[in-house]
Amino acid sequence: MAETRTQPPEWLTGIKSRGMADALSTCLDITEPFGVLAAQMIYVASPVLGLAGWRAAAMDIARALEQPDELERLRGWLASSDSGDPRRG
């Protein structure tokens, strides 16, 4: 079983600092109904995404699309105003 993170990944902090959290949230909303299929497409594309330096982000998003609790954790991190655990407020 994968370990549960208490802090957002570094790539997500970068997304938020660039003001792209809303765009990523919208992408998650669009792909959620196709969760497992979208995750498999990301896994297939991960070697190419790795060349661009996005492999860690792609793998985290793919895992989140496969597991609803991970997807909610990712959304919580996107919505939180700080960079820590969204349950802290």
N, C-alpha and C. Protein backbone atom coordinates (compact mmCIF):
# COMPACT_ATOMS: atom_id res chain seq x y z
N MET A 1 0.84 -1.19 0.00
CA MET A 1 0.00 0.00 0.00
C MET A 1 0.88 1.25 0.00
N ALA A 2 0.48 2.24 -0.77
CA ALA A 2 1.28 3.46 -0.87
C ALA A 2 1.14 4.29 0.40
N GLU A 3 2.19 5.02 0.71
CA GLU A 3 2.15 5.87 1.89
C GLU A 3 1.30 7.10 1.63
N THR A 4 0.66 7.61 2.68
CA THR A 4 -0.17 8.79 2.57
C THR A 4 0.66 10.01 2.87
N ARG A 5 0.65 10.96 1.97
CA ARG A 5 1.42 12.20 2.15
C ARG A 5 0.65 13.16 3.03
N THR A 6 1.39 13.90 3.82
CA THR A 6 0.76 14.95 4.63
C THR A 6 1.08 16.33 4.08
N GLN A 7 2.05 16.43 3.21
CA GLN A 7 2.43 17.69 2.58
C GLN A 7 2.26 17.56 1.07
N PRO A 8 1.90 18.65 0.40
CA PRO A 8 1.75 18.57 -1.05
C PRO A 8 3.11 18.33 -1.71
N PRO A 9 3.10 17.66 -2.85
CA PRO A 9 4.35 17.45 -3.58
C PRO A 9 4.92 18.78 -4.06
N GLU A 10 6.20 18.78 -4.31
CA GLU A 10 6.89 20.00 -4.74
C GLU A 10 6.32 20.56 -6.04
N TRP A 11 5.98 19.70 -6.98
CA TRP A 11 5.45 20.18 -8.25
C TRP A 11 4.13 20.92 -8.06
N LEU A 12 3.32 20.50 -7.09
CA LEU A 12 2.05 21.16 -6.85
C LEU A 12 2.25 22.56 -6.25
N THR A 13 3.24 22.69 -5.41
CA THR A 13 3.58 24.00 -4.86
C THR A 13 3.98 24.94 -5.99
N GLY A 14 4.72 24.43 -6.97
CA GLY A 14 5.11 25.22 -8.13
C GLY A 14 3.91 25.64 -8.97
N ILE A 15 2.97 24.72 -9.15
CA ILE A 15 1.74 25.02 -9.91
C ILE A 15 0.98 26.16 -9.23
N LYS A 16 0.86 26.07 -7.91
CA LYS A 16 0.13 27.10 -7.17
C LYS A 16 0.86 28.44 -7.22
N SER A 17 2.18 28.42 -7.13
CA SER A 17 2.93 29.67 -7.14
C SER A 17 2.86 30.37 -8.50
N ARG A 18 2.60 29.61 -9.55
CA ARG A 18 2.47 30.18 -10.89
C ARG A 18 1.03 30.59 -11.21
N GLY A 19 0.12 30.38 -10.26
CA GLY A 19 -1.27 30.76 -10.47
C GLY A 19 -2.03 29.82 -11.38
N MET A 20 -1.59 28.57 -11.46
CA MET A 20 -2.23 27.61 -12.35
C MET A 20 -3.08 26.58 -11.62
N ALA A 21 -3.37 26.82 -10.35
CA ALA A 21 -4.16 25.87 -9.55
C ALA A 21 -5.56 25.70 -10.11
N ASP A 22 -6.19 26.79 -10.54
CA ASP A 22 -7.55 26.71 -11.10
C ASP A 22 -7.55 25.90 -12.39
N ALA A 23 -6.54 26.07 -13.21
CA ALA A 23 -6.46 25.32 -14.46
C ALA A 23 -6.30 23.83 -14.20
N LEU A 24 -5.45 23.48 -13.24
CA LEU A 24 -5.28 22.07 -12.90
C LEU A 24 -6.55 21.50 -12.29
N SER A 25 -7.22 22.27 -11.46
CA SER A 25 -8.47 21.83 -10.87
C SER A 25 -9.52 21.57 -11.94
N THR A 26 -9.59 22.43 -12.94
CA THR A 26 -10.53 22.24 -14.04
C THR A 26 -10.18 20.98 -14.83
N CYS A 27 -8.90 20.75 -15.08
CA CYS A 27 -8.48 19.54 -15.78
C CYS A 27 -8.86 18.29 -15.00
N LEU A 28 -8.71 18.33 -13.68
CA LEU A 28 -9.11 17.20 -12.84
C LEU A 28 -10.62 16.98 -12.92
N ASP A 29 -11.40 18.06 -12.92
CA ASP A 29 -12.85 17.94 -13.03
C ASP A 29 -13.25 17.29 -14.36
N ILE A 30 -12.56 17.65 -15.42
CA ILE A 30 -12.87 17.12 -16.75
C ILE A 30 -12.51 15.64 -16.86
N THR A 31 -11.36 15.27 -16.31
CA THR A 31 -10.88 13.89 -16.46
C THR A 31 -11.42 12.93 -15.42
N GLU A 32 -11.99 13.43 -14.33
CA GLU A 32 -12.47 12.55 -13.25
C GLU A 32 -13.45 11.48 -13.73
N PRO A 33 -14.43 11.80 -14.57
CA PRO A 33 -15.37 10.75 -15.01
C PRO A 33 -14.68 9.61 -15.77
N PHE A 34 -13.53 9.88 -16.33
CA PHE A 34 -12.79 8.88 -17.09
C PHE A 34 -11.59 8.38 -16.30
N GLY A 35 -11.66 8.47 -14.96
CA GLY A 35 -10.56 8.23 -14.04
C GLY A 35 -9.52 7.20 -14.46
N VAL A 36 -9.91 5.93 -14.49
CA VAL A 36 -8.93 4.87 -14.78
C VAL A 36 -8.41 4.98 -16.20
N LEU A 37 -9.28 5.28 -17.15
CA LEU A 37 -8.85 5.43 -18.55
C LEU A 37 -7.86 6.59 -18.68
N ALA A 38 -8.19 7.72 -18.06
CA ALA A 38 -7.29 8.88 -18.12
C ALA A 38 -5.96 8.56 -17.45
N ALA A 39 -6.00 7.83 -16.34
CA ALA A 39 -4.77 7.45 -15.65
C ALA A 39 -3.90 6.58 -16.56
N GLN A 40 -4.51 5.64 -17.25
CA GLN A 40 -3.75 4.77 -18.14
C GLN A 40 -3.13 5.56 -19.29
N MET A 41 -3.84 6.55 -19.79
CA MET A 41 -3.29 7.40 -20.85
C MET A 41 -2.08 8.18 -20.33
N ILE A 42 -2.16 8.63 -19.10
CA ILE A 42 -1.03 9.36 -18.50
C ILE A 42 0.16 8.42 -18.32
N TYR A 43 -0.10 7.19 -17.87
CA TYR A 43 0.99 6.22 -17.70
C TYR A 43 1.69 5.95 -19.04
N VAL A 44 0.90 5.85 -20.10
CA VAL A 44 1.48 5.61 -21.44
C VAL A 44 2.32 6.80 -21.87
N ALA A 45 1.87 8.00 -21.56
CA ALA A 45 2.58 9.22 -21.98
C ALA A 45 3.71 9.60 -21.03
N SER A 46 3.85 8.91 -19.91
CA SER A 46 4.84 9.33 -18.90
C SER A 46 6.29 9.37 -19.39
N PRO A 47 6.73 8.49 -20.29
CA PRO A 47 8.11 8.65 -20.77
C PRO A 47 8.34 9.99 -21.48
N VAL A 48 7.38 10.41 -22.28
CA VAL A 48 7.50 11.69 -22.98
C VAL A 48 7.40 12.84 -21.98
N LEU A 49 6.47 12.73 -21.04
CA LEU A 49 6.33 13.76 -20.02
C LEU A 49 7.59 13.87 -19.17
N GLY A 50 8.26 12.74 -18.98
CA GLY A 50 9.52 12.74 -18.23
C GLY A 50 10.60 13.56 -18.92
N LEU A 51 10.59 13.58 -20.24
CA LEU A 51 11.56 14.39 -20.98
C LEU A 51 11.35 15.88 -20.72
N ALA A 52 10.10 16.26 -20.47
CA ALA A 52 9.79 17.65 -20.19
C ALA A 52 9.91 17.98 -18.70
N GLY A 53 10.23 16.98 -17.89
CA GLY A 53 10.37 17.20 -16.46
C GLY A 53 9.07 17.12 -15.69
N TRP A 54 8.04 16.55 -16.29
CA TRP A 54 6.73 16.49 -15.66
C TRP A 54 6.35 15.09 -15.20
N ARG A 55 7.29 14.19 -15.15
CA ARG A 55 6.96 12.80 -14.84
C ARG A 55 6.38 12.65 -13.43
N ALA A 56 6.96 13.29 -12.43
CA ALA A 56 6.46 13.17 -11.05
C ALA A 56 5.03 13.69 -10.96
N ALA A 57 4.77 14.81 -11.58
CA ALA A 57 3.42 15.37 -11.56
C ALA A 57 2.44 14.44 -12.26
N ALA A 58 2.84 13.94 -13.41
CA ALA A 58 1.96 13.05 -14.18
C ALA A 58 1.64 11.78 -13.40
N MET A 59 2.62 11.20 -12.76
CA MET A 59 2.40 9.97 -12.00
C MET A 59 1.50 10.23 -10.80
N ASP A 60 1.69 11.35 -10.12
CA ASP A 60 0.83 11.69 -8.98
C ASP A 60 -0.61 11.91 -9.43
N ILE A 61 -0.80 12.58 -10.55
CA ILE A 61 -2.14 12.82 -11.06
C ILE A 61 -2.79 11.51 -11.49
N ALA A 62 -2.03 10.65 -12.16
CA ALA A 62 -2.57 9.35 -12.58
C ALA A 62 -3.01 8.53 -11.36
N ARG A 63 -2.18 8.49 -10.32
CA ARG A 63 -2.56 7.77 -9.10
C ARG A 63 -3.81 8.37 -8.48
N ALA A 64 -3.91 9.69 -8.49
CA ALA A 64 -5.08 10.36 -7.92
C ALA A 64 -6.35 10.03 -8.71
N LEU A 65 -6.23 9.94 -10.02
CA LEU A 65 -7.40 9.61 -10.84
C LEU A 65 -7.89 8.19 -10.59
N GLU A 66 -7.00 7.32 -10.17
CA GLU A 66 -7.38 5.94 -9.88
C GLU A 66 -7.96 5.76 -8.48
N GLN A 67 -7.65 6.67 -7.57
CA GLN A 67 -8.06 6.53 -6.17
C GLN A 67 -8.80 7.79 -5.72
N PRO A 68 -10.11 7.70 -5.50
CA PRO A 68 -10.90 8.88 -5.14
C PRO A 68 -10.38 9.64 -3.92
N ASP A 69 -9.87 8.94 -2.91
CA ASP A 69 -9.36 9.65 -1.73
C ASP A 69 -8.12 10.47 -2.06
N GLU A 70 -7.28 9.97 -2.96
CA GLU A 70 -6.10 10.72 -3.40
C GLU A 70 -6.51 11.94 -4.23
N LEU A 71 -7.55 11.78 -5.02
CA LEU A 71 -8.03 12.89 -5.83
C LEU A 71 -8.56 14.01 -4.93
N GLU A 72 -9.28 13.64 -3.89
CA GLU A 72 -9.79 14.64 -2.96
C GLU A 72 -8.65 15.32 -2.20
N ARG A 73 -7.62 14.57 -1.85
CA ARG A 73 -6.45 15.17 -1.18
C ARG A 73 -5.76 16.16 -2.10
N LEU A 74 -5.61 15.81 -3.36
CA LEU A 74 -5.00 16.70 -4.34
C LEU A 74 -5.84 17.97 -4.51
N ARG A 75 -7.14 17.82 -4.59
CA ARG A 75 -8.02 18.99 -4.70
C ARG A 75 -7.94 19.85 -3.45
N GLY A 76 -7.85 19.21 -2.30
CA GLY A 76 -7.72 19.97 -1.05
C GLY A 76 -6.45 20.80 -1.03
N TRP A 77 -5.36 20.22 -1.49
CA TRP A 77 -4.10 20.96 -1.56
C TRP A 77 -4.21 22.12 -2.54
N LEU A 78 -4.89 21.90 -3.66
CA LEU A 78 -5.07 22.96 -4.64
C LEU A 78 -5.90 24.11 -4.09
N ALA A 79 -6.91 23.77 -3.31
CA ALA A 79 -7.82 24.79 -2.78
C ALA A 79 -7.27 25.51 -1.55
N SER A 80 -6.31 24.90 -0.85
CA SER A 80 -5.82 25.51 0.38
C SER A 80 -4.97 26.74 0.08
N SER A 81 -5.00 27.68 1.02
CA SER A 81 -4.23 28.91 0.82
C SER A 81 -2.78 28.76 1.24
N ASP A 82 -2.51 27.79 2.12
CA ASP A 82 -1.12 27.53 2.51
C ASP A 82 -0.59 26.34 1.72
N SER A 83 0.66 25.98 1.95
CA SER A 83 1.26 24.87 1.21
C SER A 83 1.26 23.59 2.00
N GLY A 84 0.64 23.60 3.17
CA GLY A 84 0.64 22.42 4.03
C GLY A 84 -0.63 21.62 3.90
N ASP A 85 -0.93 20.90 4.94
CA ASP A 85 -2.07 20.03 4.99
C ASP A 85 -3.36 20.85 4.94
N PRO A 86 -4.29 20.55 4.01
CA PRO A 86 -5.49 21.35 3.88
C PRO A 86 -6.42 21.24 5.09
N ARG A 87 -6.26 20.24 5.91
CA ARG A 87 -7.11 20.09 7.09
C ARG A 87 -6.75 21.08 8.18
N ARG A 88 -5.58 21.70 8.08
CA ARG A 88 -5.15 22.68 9.10
C ARG A 88 -5.84 24.02 8.89
N GLY A 89 -6.44 24.23 7.74
CA GLY A 89 -7.15 25.51 7.53
C GLY A 89 -6.37 26.43 6.80
